[in-house]
Every structure is written in structure tokens, then in C-alpha cells.
Amino acid sequence: MSKIKVGDTVQWTKWTRWDTRPYDLKEMPKRVGKVLAFVPAGKDIRNVWTENNIIIKRDKSGPNVSKNERAVVLVMGGAKGTLEYHYAPSVGRLEIVSPDGLEE
């Protein structure tokens, strides 16, 4: 796996520890988005938002501090693709779809 950078388009499996649905791993839903910043392990994500001028328009869920390095990923959603959702998955869960946002 190559090194993920800010601007890369990445994907990861949409799964939580509370998800009890019996998915086959190949069929599990994926999220795809663009990396905006990285959150070092043990750092508060709110500080990273401020440092990188990331404006969160919607409430976020999940912990502010994690023991894992995470990436702040922008995922566009909604029926027209105009809603912005920000996620912070662990870097180890991410796969590059296209480097620097270039379509493959």
C-alpha cells in the first residue's frame, strides 16, 4: 500500500463494532472521499479542524481523541451530492482509489 497524502481519494469499509448485520466482506458498503488532513494519535480532532481551516457544517459522531492516527475525509452525499460529511477513519483502514484526487 502506498503512502496516503492530503488530496488523495480513498475508500474504506463502512463498518462499526455495533453493526450486527451478516455481511460478506466483499459486499460490505464502502465510503469514498477526499483526504483533507491527518490527526496524529492522541491529538484532539477539533484542533486539526481549526489548524486546517476545515469548517464542519454538521454534527460529528465519534471520539475527539483516538489512540490511532486518523485522516479527516470529506464525503459528498445527499440526493444531489451537495451535502458534506466529514469522517475520521483510522489510516490503516483506508485504501487509495486515486492519488491526488485524479480519476483513474
PDB file of N, CA and C in Angstrom:
ATOM      1  N   MET A   1       0.845  -1.179   0.000  1.00  0.00           N
ATOM      2  CA  MET A   1       0.000   0.000   0.000  1.00  0.00           C
ATOM      3  C   MET A   1       0.883   1.233   0.000  1.00  0.00           C
ATOM      4  N   SER A   2       0.587   2.172  -0.878  1.00  0.00           N
ATOM      5  CA  SER A   2       1.401   3.384  -0.920  1.00  0.00           C
ATOM      6  C   SER A   2       0.961   4.362   0.169  1.00  0.00           C
ATOM      7  N   LYS A   3       1.787   5.335   0.406  1.00  0.00           N
ATOM      8  CA  LYS A   3       1.542   6.318   1.452  1.00  0.00           C
ATOM      9  C   LYS A   3       0.401   7.242   1.045  1.00  0.00           C
ATOM     10  N   ILE A   4      -0.570   7.409   1.911  1.00  0.00           N
ATOM     11  CA  ILE A   4      -1.717   8.272   1.648  1.00  0.00           C
ATOM     12  C   ILE A   4      -1.325   9.713   1.950  1.00  0.00           C
ATOM     13  N   LYS A   5      -1.745  10.618   1.054  1.00  0.00           N
ATOM     14  CA  LYS A   5      -1.429  12.033   1.205  1.00  0.00           C
ATOM     15  C   LYS A   5      -2.712  12.855   1.212  1.00  0.00           C
ATOM     16  N   VAL A   6      -2.608  14.095   1.685  1.00  0.00           N
ATOM     17  CA  VAL A   6      -3.733  15.022   1.606  1.00  0.00           C
ATOM     18  C   VAL A   6      -4.071  15.225   0.138  1.00  0.00           C
ATOM     19  N   GLY A   7      -5.350  15.155  -0.196  1.00  0.00           N
ATOM     20  CA  GLY A   7      -5.802  15.302  -1.580  1.00  0.00           C
ATOM     21  C   GLY A   7      -6.120  13.990  -2.263  1.00  0.00           C
ATOM     22  N   ASP A   8      -5.640  12.867  -1.718  1.00  0.00           N
ATOM     23  CA  ASP A   8      -5.939  11.561  -2.300  1.00  0.00           C
ATOM     24  C   ASP A   8      -7.407  11.208  -2.105  1.00  0.00           C
ATOM     25  N   THR A   9      -7.963  10.489  -3.068  1.00  0.00           N
ATOM     26  CA  THR A   9      -9.299   9.931  -2.919  1.00  0.00           C
ATOM     27  C   THR A   9      -9.129   8.527  -2.354  1.00  0.00           C
ATOM     28  N   VAL A  10      -9.825   8.266  -1.253  1.00  0.00           N
ATOM     29  CA  VAL A  10      -9.678   6.994  -0.549  1.00  0.00           C
ATOM     30  C   VAL A  10     -11.036   6.341  -0.332  1.00  0.00           C
ATOM     31  N   GLN A  11     -11.004   5.065   0.004  1.00  0.00           N
ATOM     32  CA  GLN A  11     -12.226   4.350   0.373  1.00  0.00           C
ATOM     33  C   GLN A  11     -11.936   3.495   1.590  1.00  0.00           C
ATOM     34  N   TRP A  12     -12.997   3.182   2.334  1.00  0.00           N
ATOM     35  CA  TRP A  12     -12.878   2.284   3.466  1.00  0.00           C
ATOM     36  C   TRP A  12     -14.214   1.610   3.695  1.00  0.00           C
ATOM     37  N   THR A  13     -14.173   0.485   4.351  1.00  0.00           N
ATOM     38  CA  THR A  13     -15.385  -0.281   4.623  1.00  0.00           C
ATOM     39  C   THR A  13     -16.195   0.408   5.691  1.00  0.00           C
ATOM     40  N   LYS A  14     -17.475   0.565   5.406  1.00  0.00           N
ATOM     41  CA  LYS A  14     -18.402   1.185   6.350  1.00  0.00           C
ATOM     42  C   LYS A  14     -18.830   0.107   7.340  1.00  0.00           C
ATOM     43  N   TRP A  15     -18.211   0.117   8.488  1.00  0.00           N
ATOM     44  CA  TRP A  15     -18.494  -0.898   9.492  1.00  0.00           C
ATOM     45  C   TRP A  15     -18.280  -0.300  10.867  1.00  0.00           C
ATOM     46  N   THR A  16     -19.101  -0.667  11.814  1.00  0.00           N
ATOM     47  CA  THR A  16     -18.899  -0.261  13.200  1.00  0.00           C
ATOM     48  C   THR A  16     -18.967  -1.507  14.064  1.00  0.00           C
ATOM     49  N   ARG A  17     -18.449  -1.404  15.235  1.00  0.00           N
ATOM     50  CA  ARG A  17     -18.483  -2.576  16.118  1.00  0.00           C
ATOM     51  C   ARG A  17     -19.899  -2.910  16.561  1.00  0.00           C
ATOM     52  N   TRP A  18     -20.834  -1.986  16.349  1.00  0.00           N
ATOM     53  CA  TRP A  18     -22.227  -2.240  16.734  1.00  0.00           C
ATOM     54  C   TRP A  18     -23.028  -2.836  15.587  1.00  0.00           C
ATOM     55  N   ASP A  19     -22.422  -2.907  14.400  1.00  0.00           N
ATOM     56  CA  ASP A  19     -23.119  -3.426  13.228  1.00  0.00           C
ATOM     57  C   ASP A  19     -23.190  -4.944  13.327  1.00  0.00           C
ATOM     58  N   THR A  20     -24.402  -5.475  13.437  1.00  0.00           N
ATOM     59  CA  THR A  20     -24.574  -6.919  13.611  1.00  0.00           C
ATOM     60  C   THR A  20     -25.094  -7.599  12.341  1.00  0.00           C
ATOM     61  N   ARG A  21     -25.236  -6.838  11.256  1.00  0.00           N
ATOM     62  CA  ARG A  21     -25.731  -7.449  10.020  1.00  0.00           C
ATOM     63  C   ARG A  21     -24.696  -8.432   9.468  1.00  0.00           C
ATOM     64  N   PRO A  22     -25.142  -9.565   8.960  1.00  0.00           N
ATOM     65  CA  PRO A  22     -24.200 -10.597   8.483  1.00  0.00           C
ATOM     66  C   PRO A  22     -23.705 -10.327   7.065  1.00  0.00           C
ATOM     67  N   TYR A  23     -22.805  -9.359   6.901  1.00  0.00           N
ATOM     68  CA  TYR A  23     -22.254  -9.042   5.580  1.00  0.00           C
ATOM     69  C   TYR A  23     -21.158 -10.017   5.207  1.00  0.00           C
ATOM     70  N   ASP A  24     -21.091 -10.322   3.925  1.00  0.00           N
ATOM     71  CA  ASP A  24     -19.903 -10.953   3.364  1.00  0.00           C
ATOM     72  C   ASP A  24     -18.917  -9.800   3.183  1.00  0.00           C
ATOM     73  N   LEU A  25     -17.645  -9.990   3.498  1.00  0.00           N
ATOM     74  CA  LEU A  25     -16.678  -8.896   3.446  1.00  0.00           C
ATOM     75  C   LEU A  25     -16.609  -8.230   2.076  1.00  0.00           C
ATOM     76  N   LYS A  26     -16.822  -8.987   1.001  1.00  0.00           N
ATOM     77  CA  LYS A  26     -16.772  -8.406  -0.335  1.00  0.00           C
ATOM     78  C   LYS A  26     -17.968  -7.509  -0.607  1.00  0.00           C
ATOM     79  N   GLU A  27     -19.059  -7.714   0.111  1.00  0.00           N
ATOM     80  CA  GLU A  27     -20.289  -6.964  -0.134  1.00  0.00           C
ATOM     81  C   GLU A  27     -20.483  -5.810   0.835  1.00  0.00           C
ATOM     82  N   MET A  28     -19.569  -5.625   1.772  1.00  0.00           N
ATOM     83  CA  MET A  28     -19.759  -4.581   2.775  1.00  0.00           C
ATOM     84  C   MET A  28     -19.742  -3.205   2.117  1.00  0.00           C
ATOM     85  N   PRO A  29     -20.622  -2.317   2.552  1.00  0.00           N
ATOM     86  CA  PRO A  29     -20.676  -0.976   1.961  1.00  0.00           C
ATOM     87  C   PRO A  29     -19.360  -0.230   2.166  1.00  0.00           C
ATOM     88  N   LYS A  30     -19.008   0.609   1.198  1.00  0.00           N
ATOM     89  CA  LYS A  30     -17.781   1.397   1.281  1.00  0.00           C
ATOM     90  C   LYS A  30     -18.116   2.879   1.246  1.00  0.00           C
ATOM     91  N   ARG A  31     -17.291   3.664   1.907  1.00  0.00           N
ATOM     92  CA  ARG A  31     -17.379   5.115   1.802  1.00  0.00           C
ATOM     93  C   ARG A  31     -16.185   5.560   0.963  1.00  0.00           C
ATOM     94  N   VAL A  32     -16.396   6.569   0.134  1.00  0.00           N
ATOM     95  CA  VAL A  32     -15.331   7.107  -0.713  1.00  0.00           C
ATOM     96  C   VAL A  32     -15.286   8.606  -0.512  1.00  0.00           C
ATOM     97  N   GLY A  33     -14.080   9.147  -0.316  1.00  0.00           N
ATOM     98  CA  GLY A  33     -13.961  10.580  -0.115  1.00  0.00           C
ATOM     99  C   GLY A  33     -12.535  11.070  -0.296  1.00  0.00           C
ATOM    100  N   LYS A  34     -12.350  12.364  -0.074  1.00  0.00           N
ATOM    101  CA  LYS A  34     -11.065  13.024  -0.282  1.00  0.00           C
ATOM    102  C   LYS A  34     -10.432  13.356   1.065  1.00  0.00           C
ATOM    103  N   VAL A  35      -9.149  13.039   1.215  1.00  0.00           N
ATOM    104  CA  VAL A  35      -8.424  13.299   2.455  1.00  0.00           C
ATOM    105  C   VAL A  35      -8.143  14.802   2.570  1.00  0.00           C
ATOM    106  N   LEU A  36      -8.563  15.398   3.697  1.00  0.00           N
ATOM    107  CA  LEU A  36      -8.337  16.819   3.937  1.00  0.00           C
ATOM    108  C   LEU A  36      -7.177  17.075   4.889  1.00  0.00           C
ATOM    109  N   ALA A  37      -6.969  16.175   5.844  1.00  0.00           N
ATOM    110  CA  ALA A  37      -5.926  16.367   6.856  1.00  0.00           C
ATOM    111  C   ALA A  37      -5.712  15.057   7.598  1.00  0.00           C
ATOM    112  N   PHE A  38      -4.664  15.036   8.411  1.00  0.00           N
ATOM    113  CA  PHE A  38      -4.380  13.881   9.253  1.00  0.00           C
ATOM    114  C   PHE A  38      -4.423  14.291  10.710  1.00  0.00           C
ATOM    115  N   VAL A  39      -4.887  13.369  11.559  1.00  0.00           N
ATOM    116  CA  VAL A  39      -4.963  13.592  13.001  1.00  0.00           C
ATOM    117  C   VAL A  39      -4.002  12.610  13.660  1.00  0.00           C
ATOM    118  N   PRO A  40      -2.890  13.107  14.245  1.00  0.00           N
ATOM    119  CA  PRO A  40      -1.965  12.200  14.921  1.00  0.00           C
ATOM    120  C   PRO A  40      -2.641  11.499  16.106  1.00  0.00           C
ATOM    121  N   ALA A  41      -2.158  10.325  16.432  1.00  0.00           N
ATOM    122  CA  ALA A  41      -2.698   9.583  17.580  1.00  0.00           C
ATOM    123  C   ALA A  41      -2.587  10.442  18.827  1.00  0.00           C
ATOM    124  N   GLY A  42      -3.652  10.483  19.607  1.00  0.00           N
ATOM    125  CA  GLY A  42      -3.663  11.228  20.858  1.00  0.00           C
ATOM    126  C   GLY A  42      -3.972  12.709  20.731  1.00  0.00           C
ATOM    127  N   LYS A  43      -4.157  13.206  19.504  1.00  0.00           N
ATOM    128  CA  LYS A  43      -4.452  14.631  19.309  1.00  0.00           C
ATOM    129  C   LYS A  43      -5.951  14.839  19.133  1.00  0.00           C
ATOM    130  N   ASP A  44      -6.450  15.956  19.642  1.00  0.00           N
ATOM    131  CA  ASP A  44      -7.872  16.281  19.543  1.00  0.00           C
ATOM    132  C   ASP A  44      -8.196  16.701  18.103  1.00  0.00           C
ATOM    133  N   ILE A  45      -9.197  16.061  17.511  1.00  0.00           N
ATOM    134  CA  ILE A  45      -9.549  16.338  16.120  1.00  0.00           C
ATOM    135  C   ILE A  45     -10.018  17.775  15.928  1.00  0.00           C
ATOM    136  N   ARG A  46     -10.604  18.376  16.964  1.00  0.00           N
ATOM    137  CA  ARG A  46     -11.086  19.758  16.833  1.00  0.00           C
ATOM    138  C   ARG A  46      -9.936  20.725  16.580  1.00  0.00           C
ATOM    139  N   ASN A  47      -8.752  20.441  17.136  1.00  0.00           N
ATOM    140  CA  ASN A  47      -7.584  21.291  16.869  1.00  0.00           C
ATOM    141  C   ASN A  47      -7.142  21.174  15.414  1.00  0.00           C
ATOM    142  N   VAL A  48      -7.245  19.981  14.852  1.00  0.00           N
ATOM    143  CA  VAL A  48      -6.859  19.763  13.454  1.00  0.00           C
ATOM    144  C   VAL A  48      -7.807  20.520  12.531  1.00  0.00           C
ATOM    145  N   TRP A  49      -9.105  20.522  12.845  1.00  0.00           N
ATOM    146  CA  TRP A  49     -10.059  21.278  12.038  1.00  0.00           C
ATOM    147  C   TRP A  49      -9.672  22.746  12.010  1.00  0.00           C
ATOM    148  N   THR A  50      -9.358  23.301  13.165  1.00  0.00           N
ATOM    149  CA  THR A  50      -9.005  24.716  13.260  1.00  0.00           C
ATOM    150  C   THR A  50      -7.724  25.015  12.498  1.00  0.00           C
ATOM    151  N   GLU A  51      -6.701  24.200  12.696  1.00  0.00           N
ATOM    152  CA  GLU A  51      -5.403  24.410  12.037  1.00  0.00           C
ATOM    153  C   GLU A  51      -5.501  24.340  10.525  1.00  0.00           C
ATOM    154  N   ASN A  52      -6.410  23.543   9.989  1.00  0.00           N
ATOM    155  CA  ASN A  52      -6.527  23.336   8.543  1.00  0.00           C
ATOM    156  C   ASN A  52      -7.716  24.066   7.929  1.00  0.00           C
ATOM    157  N   ASN A  53      -8.345  24.963   8.693  1.00  0.00           N
ATOM    158  CA  ASN A  53      -9.497  25.751   8.216  1.00  0.00           C
ATOM    159  C   ASN A  53     -10.611  24.875   7.654  1.00  0.00           C
ATOM    160  N   ILE A  54     -10.868  23.749   8.311  1.00  0.00           N
ATOM    161  CA  ILE A  54     -11.951  22.857   7.904  1.00  0.00           C
ATOM    162  C   ILE A  54     -13.196  23.273   8.673  1.00  0.00           C
ATOM    163  N   ILE A  55     -14.234  23.630   7.954  1.00  0.00           N
ATOM    164  CA  ILE A  55     -15.475  24.073   8.588  1.00  0.00           C
ATOM    165  C   ILE A  55     -16.450  22.901   8.585  1.00  0.00           C
ATOM    166  N   ILE A  56     -16.818  22.463   9.778  1.00  0.00           N
ATOM    167  CA  ILE A  56     -17.758  21.355   9.922  1.00  0.00           C
ATOM    168  C   ILE A  56     -19.164  21.946  10.013  1.00  0.00           C
ATOM    169  N   LYS A  57     -19.998  21.629   9.035  1.00  0.00           N
ATOM    170  CA  LYS A  57     -21.348  22.187   8.984  1.00  0.00           C
ATOM    171  C   LYS A  57     -22.374  21.283   9.646  1.00  0.00           C
ATOM    172  N   ARG A  58     -21.986  20.050   9.916  1.00  0.00           N
ATOM    173  CA  ARG A  58     -22.915  19.092  10.509  1.00  0.00           C
ATOM    174  C   ARG A  58     -22.286  18.534  11.775  1.00  0.00           C
ATOM    175  N   ASP A  59     -23.118  18.042  12.667  1.00  0.00           N
ATOM    176  CA  ASP A  59     -22.592  17.426  13.887  1.00  0.00           C
ATOM    177  C   ASP A  59     -21.786  16.199  13.522  1.00  0.00           C
ATOM    178  N   LYS A  60     -20.714  15.961  14.259  1.00  0.00           N
ATOM    179  CA  LYS A  60     -19.912  14.760  14.032  1.00  0.00           C
ATOM    180  C   LYS A  60     -20.204  13.761  15.136  1.00  0.00           C
ATOM    181  N   SER A  61     -19.932  12.515  14.842  1.00  0.00           N
ATOM    182  CA  SER A  61     -20.069  11.498  15.863  1.00  0.00           C
ATOM    183  C   SER A  61     -18.720  10.838  16.047  1.00  0.00           C
ATOM    184  N   GLY A  62     -18.540  10.186  17.138  1.00  0.00           N
ATOM    185  CA  GLY A  62     -17.276   9.519  17.402  1.00  0.00           C
ATOM    186  C   GLY A  62     -16.419  10.328  18.367  1.00  0.00           C
ATOM    187  N   PRO A  63     -15.322   9.732  18.809  1.00  0.00           N
ATOM    188  CA  PRO A  63     -14.469  10.384  19.808  1.00  0.00           C
ATOM    189  C   PRO A  63     -13.641  11.518  19.204  1.00  0.00           C
ATOM    190  N   ASN A  64     -13.316  12.498  20.033  1.00  0.00           N
ATOM    191  CA  ASN A  64     -12.461  13.593  19.585  1.00  0.00           C
ATOM    192  C   ASN A  64     -10.992  13.191  19.603  1.00  0.00           C
ATOM    193  N   VAL A  65     -10.622  12.280  20.506  1.00  0.00           N
ATOM    194  CA  VAL A  65      -9.241  11.817  20.631  1.00  0.00           C
ATOM    195  C   VAL A  65      -9.224  10.306  20.446  1.00  0.00           C
ATOM    196  N   SER A  66      -8.240   9.815  19.680  1.00  0.00           N
ATOM    197  CA  SER A  66      -8.132   8.383  19.430  1.00  0.00           C
ATOM    198  C   SER A  66      -6.690   7.937  19.628  1.00  0.00           C
ATOM    199  N   LYS A  67      -6.509   6.663  19.923  1.00  0.00           N
ATOM    200  CA  LYS A  67      -5.153   6.130  20.065  1.00  0.00           C
ATOM    201  C   LYS A  67      -4.535   5.821  18.702  1.00  0.00           C
ATOM    202  N   ASN A  68      -5.328   5.891  17.628  1.00  0.00           N
ATOM    203  CA  ASN A  68      -4.856   5.609  16.273  1.00  0.00           C
ATOM    204  C   ASN A  68      -4.702   6.896  15.471  1.00  0.00           C
ATOM    205  N   GLU A  69      -3.766   6.892  14.520  1.00  0.00           N
ATOM    206  CA  GLU A  69      -3.678   8.008  13.582  1.00  0.00           C
ATOM    207  C   GLU A  69      -4.893   7.933  12.669  1.00  0.00           C
ATOM    208  N   ARG A  70      -5.527   9.075  12.437  1.00  0.00           N
ATOM    209  CA  ARG A  70      -6.728   9.124  11.606  1.00  0.00           C
ATOM    210  C   ARG A  70      -6.567  10.141  10.494  1.00  0.00           C
ATOM    211  N   ALA A  71      -7.424  10.027   9.497  1.00  0.00           N
ATOM    212  CA  ALA A  71      -7.468  11.002   8.405  1.00  0.00           C
ATOM    213  C   ALA A  71      -8.841  11.660   8.421  1.00  0.00           C
ATOM    214  N   VAL A  72      -8.886  12.966   8.214  1.00  0.00           N
ATOM    215  CA  VAL A  72     -10.166  13.655   8.054  1.00  0.00           C
ATOM    216  C   VAL A  72     -10.527  13.538   6.587  1.00  0.00           C
ATOM    217  N   VAL A  73     -11.670  12.890   6.308  1.00  0.00           N
ATOM    218  CA  VAL A  73     -12.066  12.607   4.935  1.00  0.00           C
ATOM    219  C   VAL A  73     -13.408  13.268   4.650  1.00  0.00           C
ATOM    220  N   LEU A  74     -13.470  13.996   3.532  1.00  0.00           N
ATOM    221  CA  LEU A  74     -14.700  14.635   3.083  1.00  0.00           C
ATOM    222  C   LEU A  74     -15.424  13.689   2.138  1.00  0.00           C
ATOM    223  N   VAL A  75     -16.679  13.367   2.476  1.00  0.00           N
ATOM    224  CA  VAL A  75     -17.517  12.508   1.638  1.00  0.00           C
ATOM    225  C   VAL A  75     -18.743  13.318   1.247  1.00  0.00           C
ATOM    226  N   MET A  76     -18.986  13.422  -0.051  1.00  0.00           N
ATOM    227  CA  MET A  76     -20.159  14.146  -0.529  1.00  0.00           C
ATOM    228  C   MET A  76     -21.347  13.188  -0.542  1.00  0.00           C
ATOM    229  N   GLY A  77     -22.496  13.672  -0.105  1.00  0.00           N
ATOM    230  CA  GLY A  77     -23.667  12.811  -0.025  1.00  0.00           C
ATOM    231  C   GLY A  77     -24.937  13.563  -0.346  1.00  0.00           C
ATOM    232  N   GLY A  78     -26.053  12.929  -0.065  1.00  0.00           N
ATOM    233  CA  GLY A  78     -27.346  13.521  -0.367  1.00  0.00           C
ATOM    234  C   GLY A  78     -27.784  13.160  -1.772  1.00  0.00           C
ATOM    235  N   ALA A  79     -29.037  13.407  -2.064  1.00  0.00           N
ATOM    236  CA  ALA A  79     -29.595  13.047  -3.365  1.00  0.00           C
ATOM    237  C   ALA A  79     -28.888  13.767  -4.514  1.00  0.00           C
ATOM    238  N   LYS A  80     -28.452  15.014  -4.279  1.00  0.00           N
ATOM    239  CA  LYS A  80     -27.791  15.791  -5.332  1.00  0.00           C
ATOM    240  C   LYS A  80     -26.272  15.821  -5.158  1.00  0.00           C
ATOM    241  N   GLY A  81     -25.772  15.138  -4.133  1.00  0.00           N
ATOM    242  CA  GLY A  81     -24.328  15.111  -3.904  1.00  0.00           C
ATOM    243  C   GLY A  81     -23.770  16.437  -3.413  1.00  0.00           C
ATOM    244  N   THR A  82     -24.599  17.214  -2.728  1.00  0.00           N
ATOM    245  CA  THR A  82     -24.165  18.536  -2.274  1.00  0.00           C
ATOM    246  C   THR A  82     -23.939  18.622  -0.765  1.00  0.00           C
ATOM    247  N   LEU A  83     -24.286  17.577  -0.040  1.00  0.00           N
ATOM    248  CA  LEU A  83     -24.080  17.590   1.414  1.00  0.00           C
ATOM    249  C   LEU A  83     -22.668  17.126   1.730  1.00  0.00           C
ATOM    250  N   GLU A  84     -22.023  17.820   2.662  1.00  0.00           N
ATOM    251  CA  GLU A  84     -20.663  17.458   3.060  1.00  0.00           C
ATOM    252  C   GLU A  84     -20.690  16.684   4.366  1.00  0.00           C
ATOM    253  N   TYR A  85     -20.083  15.522   4.362  1.00  0.00           N
ATOM    254  CA  TYR A  85     -19.935  14.718   5.570  1.00  0.00           C
ATOM    255  C   TYR A  85     -18.449  14.547   5.826  1.00  0.00           C
ATOM    256  N   HIS A  86     -18.038  14.721   7.063  1.00  0.00           N
ATOM    257  CA  HIS A  86     -16.630  14.547   7.434  1.00  0.00           C
ATOM    258  C   HIS A  86     -16.507  13.331   8.334  1.00  0.00           C
ATOM    259  N   TYR A  87     -15.579  12.459   7.996  1.00  0.00           N
ATOM    260  CA  TYR A  87     -15.324  11.252   8.775  1.00  0.00           C
ATOM    261  C   TYR A  87     -13.855  11.242   9.164  1.00  0.00           C
ATOM    262  N   ALA A  88     -13.530  10.473  10.195  1.00  0.00           N
ATOM    263  CA  ALA A  88     -12.134  10.355  10.636  1.00  0.00           C
ATOM    264  C   ALA A  88     -11.790   8.888  10.886  1.00  0.00           C
ATOM    265  N   PRO A  89     -11.719   8.095   9.808  1.00  0.00           N
ATOM    266  CA  PRO A  89     -11.352   6.688   9.980  1.00  0.00           C
ATOM    267  C   PRO A  89      -9.855   6.542  10.273  1.00  0.00           C
ATOM    268  N   SER A  90      -9.486   5.429  10.869  1.00  0.00           N
ATOM    269  CA  SER A  90      -8.071   5.128  11.095  1.00  0.00           C
ATOM    270  C   SER A  90      -7.375   5.003   9.746  1.00  0.00           C
ATOM    271  N   VAL A  91      -6.154   5.507   9.666  1.00  0.00           N
ATOM    272  CA  VAL A  91      -5.400   5.477   8.416  1.00  0.00           C
ATOM    273  C   VAL A  91      -5.219   4.045   7.916  1.00  0.00           C
ATOM    274  N   GLY A  92      -5.083   3.089   8.816  1.00  0.00           N
ATOM    275  CA  GLY A  92      -4.898   1.696   8.429  1.00  0.00           C
ATOM    276  C   GLY A  92      -6.080   1.090   7.698  1.00  0.00           C
ATOM    277  N   ARG A  93      -7.252   1.685   7.817  1.00  0.00           N
ATOM    278  CA  ARG A  93      -8.457   1.170   7.142  1.00  0.00           C
ATOM    279  C   ARG A  93      -8.606   1.712   5.732  1.00  0.00           C
ATOM    280  N   LEU A  94      -7.814   2.703   5.354  1.00  0.00           N
ATOM    281  CA  LEU A  94      -8.002   3.387   4.084  1.00  0.00           C
ATOM    282  C   LEU A  94      -7.267   2.715   2.932  1.00  0.00           C
ATOM    283  N   GLU A  95      -7.893   2.751   1.755  1.00  0.00           N
ATOM    284  CA  GLU A  95      -7.273   2.290   0.512  1.00  0.00           C
ATOM    285  C   GLU A  95      -7.346   3.448  -0.471  1.00  0.00           C
ATOM    286  N   ILE A  96      -6.264   3.685  -1.209  1.00  0.00           N
ATOM    287  CA  ILE A  96      -6.273   4.758  -2.191  1.00  0.00           C
ATOM    288  C   ILE A  96      -7.084   4.326  -3.412  1.00  0.00           C
ATOM    289  N   VAL A  97      -8.042   5.173  -3.791  1.00  0.00           N
ATOM    290  CA  VAL A  97      -8.827   4.942  -5.009  1.00  0.00           C
ATOM    291  C   VAL A  97      -8.119   5.644  -6.170  1.00  0.00           C
ATOM    292  N   SER A  98      -7.732   6.898  -5.940  1.00  0.00           N
ATOM    293  CA  SER A  98      -6.940   7.615  -6.936  1.00  0.00           C
ATOM    294  C   SER A  98      -6.075   8.643  -6.215  1.00  0.00           C
ATOM    295  N   PRO A  99      -4.793   8.705  -6.551  1.00  0.00           N
ATOM    296  CA  PRO A  99      -3.906   9.653  -5.890  1.00  0.00           C
ATOM    297  C   PRO A  99      -4.210  11.083  -6.284  1.00  0.00           C
ATOM    298  N   ASP A 100      -4.097  11.994  -5.331  1.00  0.00           N
ATOM    299  CA  ASP A 100      -4.300  13.441  -5.551  1.00  0.00           C
ATOM    300  C   ASP A 100      -5.633  13.759  -6.192  1.00  0.00           C
ATOM    301  N   GLY A 101      -6.642  12.931  -5.965  1.00  0.00           N
ATOM    302  CA  GLY A 101      -7.975  13.204  -6.468  1.00  0.00           C
ATOM    303  C   GLY A 101      -8.146  12.981  -7.955  1.00  0.00           C
ATOM    304  N   LEU A 102      -7.151  12.432  -8.652  1.00  0.00           N
ATOM    305  CA  LEU A 102      -7.262  12.180 -10.080  1.00  0.00           C
ATOM    306  C   LEU A 102      -8.097  10.933 -10.323  1.00  0.00           C
ATOM    307  N   GLU A 103      -8.989  11.009 -11.261  1.00  0.00           N
ATOM    308  CA  GLU A 103      -9.827   9.850 -11.575  1.00  0.00           C
ATOM    309  C   GLU A 103      -9.006   8.839 -12.363  1.00  0.00           C
ATOM    310  N   GLU A 104      -9.168   7.569 -12.037  1.00  0.00           N
ATOM    311  CA  GLU A 104      -8.431   6.510 -12.744  1.00  0.00           C
ATOM    312  C   GLU A 104      -9.255   5.991 -13.903  1.00  0.00           C
TER     313      GLU A 104
END
